[in-house]
PDB file of N, CA and C in Angstrom:
ATOM      1  N   MET A   1      68.318 112.170  57.038  1.00  0.00           N
ATOM      2  CA  MET A   1      67.085 111.088  56.996  1.00  0.00           C
ATOM      3  C   MET A   1      67.118 110.236  57.781  1.00  0.00           C
ATOM      4  N   SER A   2      66.124 109.861  58.304  1.00  0.00           N
ATOM      5  CA  SER A   2      65.900 109.373  59.647  1.00  0.00           C
ATOM      6  C   SER A   2      65.747 107.524  59.440  1.00  0.00           C
ATOM      7  N   ILE A   3      66.562 106.966  60.122  1.00  0.00           N
ATOM      8  CA  ILE A   3      66.102 105.225  59.773  1.00  0.00           C
ATOM      9  C   ILE A   3      65.280 104.847  61.070  1.00  0.00           C
ATOM     10  N   ILE A   4      64.524 104.113  60.576  1.00  0.00           N
ATOM     11  CA  ILE A   4      63.448 103.471  62.261  1.00  0.00           C
ATOM     12  C   ILE A   4      63.754 102.096  61.839  1.00  0.00           C
ATOM     13  N   ARG A   5      64.209 101.721  63.175  1.00  0.00           N
ATOM     14  CA  ARG A   5      64.172 100.125  63.221  1.00  0.00           C
ATOM     15  C   ARG A   5      63.026  99.795  64.054  1.00  0.00           C
ATOM     16  N   HIS A   6      62.788  98.326  63.673  1.00  0.00           N
ATOM     17  CA  HIS A   6      61.658  97.918  64.777  1.00  0.00           C
ATOM     18  C   HIS A   6      61.768  96.182  64.985  1.00  0.00           C
ATOM     19  N   ASP A   7      61.665  95.811  66.186  1.00  0.00           N
ATOM     20  CA  ASP A   7      61.575  94.664  66.562  1.00  0.00           C
ATOM     21  C   ASP A   7      63.775  94.438  66.721  1.00  0.00           C
ATOM     22  N   GLU A   8      63.964  94.827  67.036  1.00  0.00           N
ATOM     23  CA  GLU A   8      65.717  94.780  67.531  1.00  0.00           C
ATOM     24  C   GLU A   8      66.224  93.820  68.678  1.00  0.00           C
ATOM     25  N   ASN A   9      66.988  93.378  67.961  1.00  0.00           N
ATOM     26  CA  ASN A   9      67.429  92.364  69.347  1.00  0.00           C
ATOM     27  C   ASN A   9      69.041  92.231  69.313  1.00  0.00           C
ATOM     28  N   ALA A  10      69.726  91.729  70.279  1.00  0.00           N
ATOM     29  CA  ALA A  10      71.395  92.133  70.255  1.00  0.00           C
ATOM     30  C   ALA A  10      71.921  92.174  68.692  1.00  0.00           C
ATOM     31  N   ILE A  11      71.509  91.200  67.997  1.00  0.00           N
ATOM     32  CA  ILE A  11      72.507  91.210  66.543  1.00  0.00           C
ATOM     33  C   ILE A  11      71.804  91.475  65.323  1.00  0.00           C
ATOM     34  N   MET A  12      70.136  92.280  65.433  1.00  0.00           N
ATOM     35  CA  MET A  12      69.733  92.812  64.183  1.00  0.00           C
ATOM     36  C   MET A  12      68.534  93.234  64.440  1.00  0.00           C
ATOM     37  N   SER A  13      67.939  94.136  63.144  1.00  0.00           N
ATOM     38  CA  SER A  13      66.578  94.659  63.449  1.00  0.00           C
ATOM     39  C   SER A  13      65.668  93.403  62.385  1.00  0.00           C
ATOM     40  N   LYS A  14      64.708  93.057  62.668  1.00  0.00           N
ATOM     41  CA  LYS A  14      63.435  92.513  61.797  1.00  0.00           C
ATOM     42  C   LYS A  14      63.029  93.358  60.471  1.00  0.00           C
ATOM     43  N   VAL A  15      62.940  94.856  60.748  1.00  0.00           N
ATOM     44  CA  VAL A  15      62.527  95.834  59.630  1.00  0.00           C
ATOM     45  C   VAL A  15      63.388  96.966  59.723  1.00  0.00           C
ATOM     46  N   VAL A  16      63.536  97.649  58.801  1.00  0.00           N
ATOM     47  CA  VAL A  16      64.291  98.805  58.962  1.00  0.00           C
ATOM     48  C   VAL A  16      63.846  99.452  57.781  1.00  0.00           C
ATOM     49  N   GLU A  17      63.292 100.791  58.401  1.00  0.00           N
ATOM     50  CA  GLU A  17      62.820 101.573  57.297  1.00  0.00           C
ATOM     51  C   GLU A  17      63.599 103.199  56.898  1.00  0.00           C
ATOM     52  N   HIS A  18      64.112 103.114  55.675  1.00  0.00           N
ATOM     53  CA  HIS A  18      64.991 104.256  55.418  1.00  0.00           C
ATOM     54  C   HIS A  18      64.736 104.690  53.895  1.00  0.00           C
ATOM     55  N   ASN A  19      64.368 106.174  54.155  1.00  0.00           N
ATOM     56  CA  ASN A  19      64.259 106.926  52.802  1.00  0.00           C
ATOM     57  C   ASN A  19      63.271 106.166  51.627  1.00  0.00           C
ATOM     58  N   GLY A  20      61.965 105.929  52.201  1.00  0.00           N
ATOM     59  CA  GLY A  20      60.917 105.645  51.589  1.00  0.00           C
ATOM     60  C   GLY A  20      60.992 103.851  51.008  1.00  0.00           C
ATOM     61  N   VAL A  21      61.848 103.194  52.077  1.00  0.00           N
ATOM     62  CA  VAL A  21      61.905 101.569  51.265  1.00  0.00           C
ATOM     63  C   VAL A  21      62.191 101.109  53.011  1.00  0.00           C
ATOM     64  N   VAL A  22      61.493  99.769  52.838  1.00  0.00           N
ATOM     65  CA  VAL A  22      61.448  99.041  53.665  1.00  0.00           C
ATOM     66  C   VAL A  22      62.245  97.684  53.777  1.00  0.00           C
ATOM     67  N   TYR A  23      63.132  97.518  54.729  1.00  0.00           N
ATOM     68  CA  TYR A  23      64.107  96.353  54.593  1.00  0.00           C
ATOM     69  C   TYR A  23      63.493  95.053  55.485  1.00  0.00           C
ATOM     70  N   ILE A  24      63.371  93.883  55.293  1.00  0.00           N
ATOM     71  CA  ILE A  24      62.688  92.930  56.016  1.00  0.00           C
ATOM     72  C   ILE A  24      63.601  91.876  55.829  1.00  0.00           C
ATOM     73  N   SER A  25      64.346  91.404  57.414  1.00  0.00           N
ATOM     74  CA  SER A  25      65.524  90.655  57.317  1.00  0.00           C
ATOM     75  C   SER A  25      64.869  89.140  56.993  1.00  0.00           C
ATOM     76  N   GLY A  26      65.584  88.217  56.883  1.00  0.00           N
ATOM     77  CA  GLY A  26      65.348  86.421  56.488  1.00  0.00           C
ATOM     78  C   GLY A  26      64.450  86.102  57.604  1.00  0.00           C
ATOM     79  N   ASN A  27      63.499  85.508  57.191  1.00  0.00           N
ATOM     80  CA  ASN A  27      62.391  84.771  58.175  1.00  0.00           C
ATOM     81  C   ASN A  27      62.051  83.416  57.631  1.00  0.00           C
ATOM     82  N   THR A  28      62.098  82.769  58.837  1.00  0.00           N
ATOM     83  CA  THR A  28      61.802  81.307  58.468  1.00  0.00           C
ATOM     84  C   THR A  28      60.428  81.039  59.314  1.00  0.00           C
ATOM     85  N   ALA A  29      59.854  79.436  58.795  1.00  0.00           N
ATOM     86  CA  ALA A  29      58.696  79.267  59.503  1.00  0.00           C
ATOM     87  C   ALA A  29      58.674  79.149  61.199  1.00  0.00           C
ATOM     88  N   ASN A  30      57.513  79.057  61.626  1.00  0.00           N
ATOM     89  CA  ASN A  30      57.866  78.723  63.354  1.00  0.00           C
ATOM     90  C   ASN A  30      57.351  77.660  63.517  1.00  0.00           C
ATOM     91  N   ASP A  31      56.999  76.694  62.633  1.00  0.00           N
ATOM     92  CA  ASP A  31      56.961  75.329  62.781  1.00  0.00           C
ATOM     93  C   ASP A  31      57.259  74.700  61.529  1.00  0.00           C
ATOM     94  N   ASN A  32      58.865  74.183  61.972  1.00  0.00           N
ATOM     95  CA  ASN A  32      59.717  73.336  60.916  1.00  0.00           C
ATOM     96  C   ASN A  32      59.074  72.118  60.714  1.00  0.00           C
ATOM     97  N   SER A  33      58.048  71.433  61.577  1.00  0.00           N
ATOM     98  CA  SER A  33      57.442  69.960  61.463  1.00  0.00           C
ATOM     99  C   SER A  33      56.674  69.723  59.920  1.00  0.00           C
ATOM    100  N   VAL A  34      56.780  70.842  59.221  1.00  0.00           N
ATOM    101  CA  VAL A  34      55.914  70.776  57.922  1.00  0.00           C
ATOM    102  C   VAL A  34      56.569  70.673  56.880  1.00  0.00           C
ATOM    103  N   GLY A  35      55.947  70.604  55.830  1.00  0.00           N
ATOM    104  CA  GLY A  35      56.737  70.742  54.457  1.00  0.00           C
ATOM    105  C   GLY A  35      56.677  72.007  53.761  1.00  0.00           C
ATOM    106  N   MET A  36      57.555  71.830  52.845  1.00  0.00           N
ATOM    107  CA  MET A  36      57.949  73.328  51.961  1.00  0.00           C
ATOM    108  C   MET A  36      56.816  74.074  51.751  1.00  0.00           C
ATOM    109  N   LYS A  37      55.615  73.750  51.260  1.00  0.00           N
ATOM    110  CA  LYS A  37      54.679  74.748  51.031  1.00  0.00           C
ATOM    111  C   LYS A  37      54.089  75.568  52.353  1.00  0.00           C
ATOM    112  N   GLU A  38      53.820  74.493  53.198  1.00  0.00           N
ATOM    113  CA  GLU A  38      53.339  75.265  54.576  1.00  0.00           C
ATOM    114  C   GLU A  38      54.467  75.988  54.912  1.00  0.00           C
ATOM    115  N   GLN A  39      55.160  75.709  55.150  1.00  0.00           N
ATOM    116  CA  GLN A  39      56.763  76.437  55.874  1.00  0.00           C
ATOM    117  C   GLN A  39      56.851  77.572  55.129  1.00  0.00           C
ATOM    118  N   THR A  40      56.549  77.814  53.704  1.00  0.00           N
ATOM    119  CA  THR A  40      56.660  79.078  52.979  1.00  0.00           C
ATOM    120  C   THR A  40      55.387  79.727  53.223  1.00  0.00           C
ATOM    121  N   ALA A  41      54.220  79.547  53.374  1.00  0.00           N
ATOM    122  CA  ALA A  41      53.081  79.952  53.720  1.00  0.00           C
ATOM    123  C   ALA A  41      53.411  80.525  55.008  1.00  0.00           C
ATOM    124  N   GLN A  42      53.829  80.098  56.120  1.00  0.00           N
ATOM    125  CA  GLN A  42      53.899  80.643  57.475  1.00  0.00           C
ATOM    126  C   GLN A  42      54.922  82.003  57.125  1.00  0.00           C
ATOM    127  N   VAL A  43      56.351  81.757  56.513  1.00  0.00           N
ATOM    128  CA  VAL A  43      57.053  83.094  56.062  1.00  0.00           C
ATOM    129  C   VAL A  43      56.304  83.935  55.554  1.00  0.00           C
ATOM    130  N   LEU A  44      55.422  83.927  54.753  1.00  0.00           N
ATOM    131  CA  LEU A  44      55.084  84.954  53.987  1.00  0.00           C
ATOM    132  C   LEU A  44      53.807  85.604  54.775  1.00  0.00           C
ATOM    133  N   GLU A  45      53.236  85.137  55.596  1.00  0.00           N
ATOM    134  CA  GLU A  45      52.320  85.506  56.661  1.00  0.00           C
ATOM    135  C   GLU A  45      53.036  86.423  57.775  1.00  0.00           C
ATOM    136  N   THR A  46      54.423  85.464  58.001  1.00  0.00           N
ATOM    137  CA  THR A  46      54.885  86.839  58.878  1.00  0.00           C
ATOM    138  C   THR A  46      55.302  87.923  58.166  1.00  0.00           C
ATOM    139  N   ILE A  47      55.991  87.731  56.880  1.00  0.00           N
ATOM    140  CA  ILE A  47      56.558  88.991  55.988  1.00  0.00           C
ATOM    141  C   ILE A  47      55.385  90.034  55.945  1.00  0.00           C
ATOM    142  N   ASP A  48      54.183  89.623  55.974  1.00  0.00           N
ATOM    143  CA  ASP A  48      52.836  90.531  55.952  1.00  0.00           C
ATOM    144  C   ASP A  48      52.906  91.297  56.662  1.00  0.00           C
ATOM    145  N   GLY A  49      53.020  90.659  58.305  1.00  0.00           N
ATOM    146  CA  GLY A  49      53.016  91.697  59.322  1.00  0.00           C
ATOM    147  C   GLY A  49      54.230  92.427  59.441  1.00  0.00           C
ATOM    148  N   TYR A  50      55.191  92.186  58.921  1.00  0.00           N
ATOM    149  CA  TYR A  50      56.329  92.965  58.747  1.00  0.00           C
ATOM    150  C   TYR A  50      56.518  94.037  58.323  1.00  0.00           C
ATOM    151  N   LEU A  51      55.891  93.833  56.738  1.00  0.00           N
ATOM    152  CA  LEU A  51      55.542  94.693  55.963  1.00  0.00           C
ATOM    153  C   LEU A  51      54.535  95.609  56.375  1.00  0.00           C
ATOM    154  N   ALA A  52      53.382  95.521  57.261  1.00  0.00           N
ATOM    155  CA  ALA A  52      52.894  96.389  57.803  1.00  0.00           C
ATOM    156  C   ALA A  52      53.120  97.320  58.812  1.00  0.00           C
ATOM    157  N   LYS A  53      53.774  96.575  59.617  1.00  0.00           N
ATOM    158  CA  LYS A  53      54.964  97.686  60.483  1.00  0.00           C
ATOM    159  C   LYS A  53      55.539  98.482  59.937  1.00  0.00           C
ATOM    160  N   GLY A  54      56.234  98.231  58.777  1.00  0.00           N
ATOM    161  CA  GLY A  54      56.880  99.051  58.024  1.00  0.00           C
ATOM    162  C   GLY A  54      55.735 100.217  57.499  1.00  0.00           C
ATOM    163  N   GLY A  55      54.651  99.982  57.241  1.00  0.00           N
ATOM    164  CA  GLY A  55      53.809 101.263  56.469  1.00  0.00           C
ATOM    165  C   GLY A  55      53.623 100.709  55.102  1.00  0.00           C
ATOM    166  N   THR A  56      53.889  99.419  54.747  1.00  0.00           N
ATOM    167  CA  THR A  56      53.758  98.933  53.411  1.00  0.00           C
ATOM    168  C   THR A  56      52.638  97.637  53.618  1.00  0.00           C
ATOM    169  N   ASP A  57      52.809  97.040  52.236  1.00  0.00           N
ATOM    170  CA  ASP A  57      52.332  95.538  52.014  1.00  0.00           C
ATOM    171  C   ASP A  57      53.226  95.022  50.906  1.00  0.00           C
ATOM    172  N   LYS A  58      52.475  93.713  50.466  1.00  0.00           N
ATOM    173  CA  LYS A  58      53.081  93.045  49.245  1.00  0.00           C
ATOM    174  C   LYS A  58      53.082  93.519  48.088  1.00  0.00           C
ATOM    175  N   SER A  59      52.077  94.463  47.982  1.00  0.00           N
ATOM    176  CA  SER A  59      52.312  94.986  46.323  1.00  0.00           C
ATOM    177  C   SER A  59      52.908  95.971  46.147  1.00  0.00           C
ATOM    178  N   LYS A  60      53.699  96.341  47.062  1.00  0.00           N
ATOM    179  CA  LYS A  60      54.796  97.338  46.995  1.00  0.00           C
ATOM    180  C   LYS A  60      56.380  96.573  46.838  1.00  0.00           C
ATOM    181  N   LEU A  61      56.120  95.217  47.019  1.00  0.00           N
ATOM    182  CA  LEU A  61      57.662  94.257  46.926  1.00  0.00           C
ATOM    183  C   LEU A  61      58.561  95.015  45.881  1.00  0.00           C
ATOM    184  N   LEU A  62      59.833  95.352  45.739  1.00  0.00           N
ATOM    185  CA  LEU A  62      60.696  95.478  45.074  1.00  0.00           C
ATOM    186  C   LEU A  62      61.483  94.218  44.901  1.00  0.00           C
ATOM    187  N   THR A  63      62.025  93.395  45.668  1.00  0.00           N
ATOM    188  CA  THR A  63      62.844  92.671  45.531  1.00  0.00           C
ATOM    189  C   THR A  63      62.533  91.612  46.644  1.00  0.00           C
ATOM    190  N   ALA A  64      63.011  89.854  46.100  1.00  0.00           N
ATOM    191  CA  ALA A  64      62.820  88.972  47.430  1.00  0.00           C
ATOM    192  C   ALA A  64      64.119  88.047  47.050  1.00  0.00           C
ATOM    193  N   MET A  65      64.742  87.581  48.316  1.00  0.00           N
ATOM    194  CA  MET A  65      65.806  86.926  48.162  1.00  0.00           C
ATOM    195  C   MET A  65      65.085  85.395  48.792  1.00  0.00           C
ATOM    196  N   ILE A  66      65.198  84.317  48.094  1.00  0.00           N
ATOM    197  CA  ILE A  66      64.808  83.152  48.883  1.00  0.00           C
ATOM    198  C   ILE A  66      65.581  81.920  48.891  1.00  0.00           C
ATOM    199  N   PHE A  67      65.928  81.797  49.799  1.00  0.00           N
ATOM    200  CA  PHE A  67      66.952  80.253  50.442  1.00  0.00           C
ATOM    201  C   PHE A  67      66.168  79.398  50.601  1.00  0.00           C
ATOM    202  N   ILE A  68      66.422  78.237  49.781  1.00  0.00           N
ATOM    203  CA  ILE A  68      65.824  76.934  50.243  1.00  0.00           C
ATOM    204  C   ILE A  68      66.908  75.862  50.420  1.00  0.00           C
ATOM    205  N   SER A  69      66.249  74.829  51.101  1.00  0.00           N
ATOM    206  CA  SER A  69      67.080  73.777  51.136  1.00  0.00           C
ATOM    207  C   SER A  69      67.661  72.941  50.483  1.00  0.00           C
ATOM    208  N   ASP A  70      66.478  72.644  49.280  1.00  0.00           N
ATOM    209  CA  ASP A  70      66.397  71.562  48.404  1.00  0.00           C
ATOM    210  C   ASP A  70      65.678  71.933  47.082  1.00  0.00           C
ATOM    211  N   MET A  71      66.498  72.260  45.776  1.00  0.00           N
ATOM    212  CA  MET A  71      65.992  72.769  44.887  1.00  0.00           C
ATOM    213  C   MET A  71      64.900  71.590  44.447  1.00  0.00           C
ATOM    214  N   SER A  72      64.808  70.959  44.941  1.00  0.00           N
ATOM    215  CA  SER A  72      64.047  69.797  44.600  1.00  0.00           C
ATOM    216  C   SER A  72      62.330  70.193  44.825  1.00  0.00           C
ATOM    217  N   LEU A  73      62.361  70.785  45.805  1.00  0.00           N
ATOM    218  CA  LEU A  73      61.260  71.617  46.537  1.00  0.00           C
ATOM    219  C   LEU A  73      60.653  72.658  46.125  1.00  0.00           C
ATOM    220  N   LYS A  74      61.406  73.133  45.323  1.00  0.00           N
ATOM    221  CA  LYS A  74      61.324  74.504  44.636  1.00  0.00           C
ATOM    222  C   LYS A  74      59.683  74.859  43.962  1.00  0.00           C
ATOM    223  N   PRO A  75      59.459  73.601  43.508  1.00  0.00           N
ATOM    224  CA  PRO A  75      57.995  73.923  43.015  1.00  0.00           C
ATOM    225  C   PRO A  75      56.881  74.076  43.914  1.00  0.00           C
ATOM    226  N   GLU A  76      56.991  73.338  45.154  1.00  0.00           N
ATOM    227  CA  GLU A  76      55.949  73.678  46.297  1.00  0.00           C
ATOM    228  C   GLU A  76      56.156  74.983  46.945  1.00  0.00           C
ATOM    229  N   MET A  77      57.357  75.877  47.035  1.00  0.00           N
ATOM    230  CA  MET A  77      57.526  76.815  47.534  1.00  0.00           C
ATOM    231  C   MET A  77      56.928  77.804  46.486  1.00  0.00           C
ATOM    232  N   ASN A  78      57.117  77.635  45.266  1.00  0.00           N
ATOM    233  CA  ASN A  78      56.729  78.442  44.210  1.00  0.00           C
ATOM    234  C   ASN A  78      54.862  78.488  44.292  1.00  0.00           C
ATOM    235  N   GLU A  79      54.337  77.346  44.757  1.00  0.00           N
ATOM    236  CA  GLU A  79      53.273  77.212  44.939  1.00  0.00           C
ATOM    237  C   GLU A  79      52.648  78.225  46.143  1.00  0.00           C
ATOM    238  N   ALA A  80      53.190  78.145  47.047  1.00  0.00           N
ATOM    239  CA  ALA A  80      52.626  79.084  48.165  1.00  0.00           C
ATOM    240  C   ALA A  80      52.688  80.620  47.392  1.00  0.00           C
ATOM    241  N   TRP A  81      54.280  80.530  47.343  1.00  0.00           N
ATOM    242  CA  TRP A  81      54.605  82.144  46.689  1.00  0.00           C
ATOM    243  C   TRP A  81      53.580  82.560  45.840  1.00  0.00           C
ATOM    244  N   GLU A  82      52.971  81.822  44.670  1.00  0.00           N
ATOM    245  CA  GLU A  82      52.298  82.245  44.009  1.00  0.00           C
ATOM    246  C   GLU A  82      50.559  82.353  44.470  1.00  0.00           C
ATOM    247  N   GLU A  83      50.122  81.776  45.308  1.00  0.00           N
ATOM    248  CA  GLU A  83      48.796  81.665  45.865  1.00  0.00           C
ATOM    249  C   GLU A  83      49.065  83.345  46.659  1.00  0.00           C
ATOM    250  N   TRP A  84      50.433  83.777  47.284  1.00  0.00           N
ATOM    251  CA  TRP A  84      50.647  84.705  48.248  1.00  0.00           C
ATOM    252  C   TRP A  84      50.918  85.982  47.342  1.00  0.00           C
ATOM    253  N   ILE A  85      51.344  86.059  46.118  1.00  0.00           N
ATOM    254  CA  ILE A  85      51.881  87.285  45.660  1.00  0.00           C
ATOM    255  C   ILE A  85      50.601  87.999  45.127  1.00  0.00           C
ATOM    256  N   THR A  86      51.058  89.315  44.845  1.00  0.00           N
ATOM    257  CA  THR A  86      49.315  90.380  44.546  1.00  0.00           C
ATOM    258  C   THR A  86      49.810  90.401  43.106  1.00  0.00           C
ATOM    259  N   PRO A  87      48.533  89.933  42.372  1.00  0.00           N
ATOM    260  CA  PRO A  87      48.923  89.629  40.935  1.00  0.00           C
ATOM    261  C   PRO A  87      49.582  91.222  40.033  1.00  0.00           C
ATOM    262  N   GLY A  88      50.302  90.756  39.216  1.00  0.00           N
ATOM    263  CA  GLY A  88      50.700  92.220  38.417  1.00  0.00           C
ATOM    264  C   GLY A  88      51.807  92.754  39.513  1.00  0.00           C
ATOM    265  N   CYS A  89      52.026  92.768  40.618  1.00  0.00           N
ATOM    266  CA  CYS A  89      53.008  93.333  41.815  1.00  0.00           C
ATOM    267  C   CYS A  89      54.153  92.296  41.972  1.00  0.00           C
ATOM    268  N   HIS A  90      55.032  91.706  41.026  1.00  0.00           N
ATOM    269  CA  HIS A  90      55.974  90.730  41.033  1.00  0.00           C
ATOM    270  C   HIS A  90      57.444  91.277  41.537  1.00  0.00           C
ATOM    271  N   PRO A  91      57.955  91.190  42.327  1.00  0.00           N
ATOM    272  CA  PRO A  91      59.219  91.896  42.448  1.00  0.00           C
ATOM    273  C   PRO A  91      60.293  91.413  41.767  1.00  0.00           C
ATOM    274  N   THR A  92      61.623  91.630  41.702  1.00  0.00           N
ATOM    275  CA  THR A  92      63.006  90.903  40.917  1.00  0.00           C
ATOM    276  C   THR A  92      62.685  89.761  42.454  1.00  0.00           C
ATOM    277  N   ARG A  93      63.043  88.832  41.961  1.00  0.00           N
ATOM    278  CA  ARG A  93      63.541  87.499  43.066  1.00  0.00           C
ATOM    279  C   ARG A  93      64.866  86.622  42.510  1.00  0.00           C
ATOM    280  N   ALA A  94      65.155  86.213  43.345  1.00  0.00           N
ATOM    281  CA  ALA A  94      66.445  85.068  43.180  1.00  0.00           C
ATOM    282  C   ALA A  94      66.105  84.043  44.430  1.00  0.00           C
ATOM    283  N   CYS A  95      66.488  82.758  43.753  1.00  0.00           N
ATOM    284  CA  CYS A  95      66.106  81.727  44.745  1.00  0.00           C
ATOM    285  C   CYS A  95      67.351  80.581  44.562  1.00  0.00           C
ATOM    286  N   VAL A  96      67.956  80.452  45.899  1.00  0.00           N
ATOM    287  CA  VAL A  96      69.014  79.695  45.743  1.00  0.00           C
ATOM    288  C   VAL A  96      69.005  78.623  46.646  1.00  0.00           C
ATOM    289  N   CYS A  97      70.043  77.369  46.400  1.00  0.00           N
ATOM    290  CA  CYS A  97      69.841  76.503  47.494  1.00  0.00           C
ATOM    291  C   CYS A  97      70.875  76.696  48.563  1.00  0.00           C
ATOM    292  N   SER A  98      70.634  76.796  49.670  1.00  0.00           N
ATOM    293  CA  SER A  98      71.769  77.097  51.009  1.00  0.00           C
ATOM    294  C   SER A  98      71.420  76.315  52.027  1.00  0.00           C
ATOM    295  N   GLY A  99      72.444  76.109  52.680  1.00  0.00           N
ATOM    296  CA  GLY A  99      72.186  75.312  54.203  1.00  0.00           C
ATOM    297  C   GLY A  99      71.633  76.193  54.958  1.00  0.00           C
ATOM    298  N   LEU A 100      70.599  75.807  55.755  1.00  0.00           N
ATOM    299  CA  LEU A 100      69.808  76.969  56.429  1.00  0.00           C
ATOM    300  C   LEU A 100      70.014  76.504  58.211  1.00  0.00           C
ATOM    301  N   GLY A 101      69.425  77.413  58.492  1.00  0.00           N
ATOM    302  CA  GLY A 101      69.900  77.276  60.230  1.00  0.00           C
ATOM    303  C   GLY A 101      69.524  75.881  60.903  1.00  0.00           C
ATOM    304  N   SER A 102      68.793  75.272  60.481  1.00  0.00           N
ATOM    305  CA  SER A 102      68.812  74.025  60.717  1.00  0.00           C
ATOM    306  C   SER A 102      68.294  72.838  59.915  1.00  0.00           C
ATOM    307  N   PRO A 103      68.343  71.436  59.955  1.00  0.00           N
ATOM    308  CA  PRO A 103      68.125  70.295  58.901  1.00  0.00           C
ATOM    309  C   PRO A 103      66.416  70.562  58.550  1.00  0.00           C
ATOM    310  N   GLN A 104      65.550  70.945  59.514  1.00  0.00           N
ATOM    311  CA  GLN A 104      63.979  70.861  59.541  1.00  0.00           C
ATOM    312  C   GLN A 104      63.764  72.040  58.982  1.00  0.00           C
ATOM    313  N   THR A 105      64.718  73.448  58.816  1.00  0.00           N
ATOM    314  CA  THR A 105      64.245  74.609  58.165  1.00  0.00           C
ATOM    315  C   THR A 105      64.532  74.446  56.675  1.00  0.00           C
ATOM    316  N   LEU A 106      63.517  74.687  55.924  1.00  0.00           N
ATOM    317  CA  LEU A 106      63.552  74.489  54.578  1.00  0.00           C
ATOM    318  C   LEU A 106      63.578  75.667  53.669  1.00  0.00           C
ATOM    319  N   VAL A 107      63.013  76.860  54.221  1.00  0.00           N
ATOM    320  CA  VAL A 107      62.867  77.698  53.505  1.00  0.00           C
ATOM    321  C   VAL A 107      63.407  79.255  54.318  1.00  0.00           C
ATOM    322  N   GLU A 108      64.004  80.183  53.730  1.00  0.00           N
ATOM    323  CA  GLU A 108      64.084  81.507  54.199  1.00  0.00           C
ATOM    324  C   GLU A 108      63.967  82.339  53.393  1.00  0.00           C
ATOM    325  N   ILE A 109      63.424  84.009  53.658  1.00  0.00           N
ATOM    326  CA  ILE A 109      62.772  84.582  52.615  1.00  0.00           C
ATOM    327  C   ILE A 109      63.180  86.069  52.773  1.00  0.00           C
ATOM    328  N   ILE A 110      63.927  87.028  52.433  1.00  0.00           N
ATOM    329  CA  ILE A 110      64.111  88.330  52.681  1.00  0.00           C
ATOM    330  C   ILE A 110      63.568  88.975  51.463  1.00  0.00           C
ATOM    331  N   VAL A 111      62.860  90.435  52.285  1.00  0.00           N
ATOM    332  CA  VAL A 111      62.050  91.318  50.738  1.00  0.00           C
ATOM    333  C   VAL A 111      62.711  92.603  51.282  1.00  0.00           C
ATOM    334  N   THR A 112      62.181  93.298  50.190  1.00  0.00           N
ATOM    335  CA  THR A 112      62.457  94.713  50.162  1.00  0.00           C
ATOM    336  C   THR A 112      61.058  95.461  49.961  1.00  0.00           C
ATOM    337  N   ALA A 113      60.769  96.360  50.265  1.00  0.00           N
ATOM    338  CA  ALA A 113      59.375  96.941  49.818  1.00  0.00           C
ATOM    339  C   ALA A 113      59.428  98.262  49.489  1.00  0.00           C
ATOM    340  N   ALA A 114      59.212  99.040  48.742  1.00  0.00           N
ATOM    341  CA  ALA A 114      58.567 100.853  48.535  1.00  0.00           C
ATOM    342  C   ALA A 114      57.359 100.861  49.732  1.00  0.00           C
ATOM    343  N   LYS A 115      57.624 102.177  50.193  1.00  0.00           N
ATOM    344  CA  LYS A 115      56.702 102.798  51.313  1.00  0.00           C
ATOM    345  C   LYS A 115      55.364 103.152  50.189  1.00  0.00           C
TER     346      LYS A 115
END
């Protein structure tokens, strides 16, 4: 079975395809000057692009791991998530509070999807 990697750099690939499954690396917002809902929406838009690169879409999500810097902001993250997710296609999901790459980074999301 082949492994296909997209957008590789010196330390990682942003997308890996293997055996009918697409793995998307952790993604953060491009503009960290905005709030949680806006950062989450940016991340989800980026994920849409990577899912397409892997030949799938958000309706085929299997799992999501969400890291947020402050649990009090979780309702704002959930707002963006609920606007984005395909109804009836909810993946398994975990949301944990974690220190992220910078104090301005509020959310990082990792997803896995079927093809």
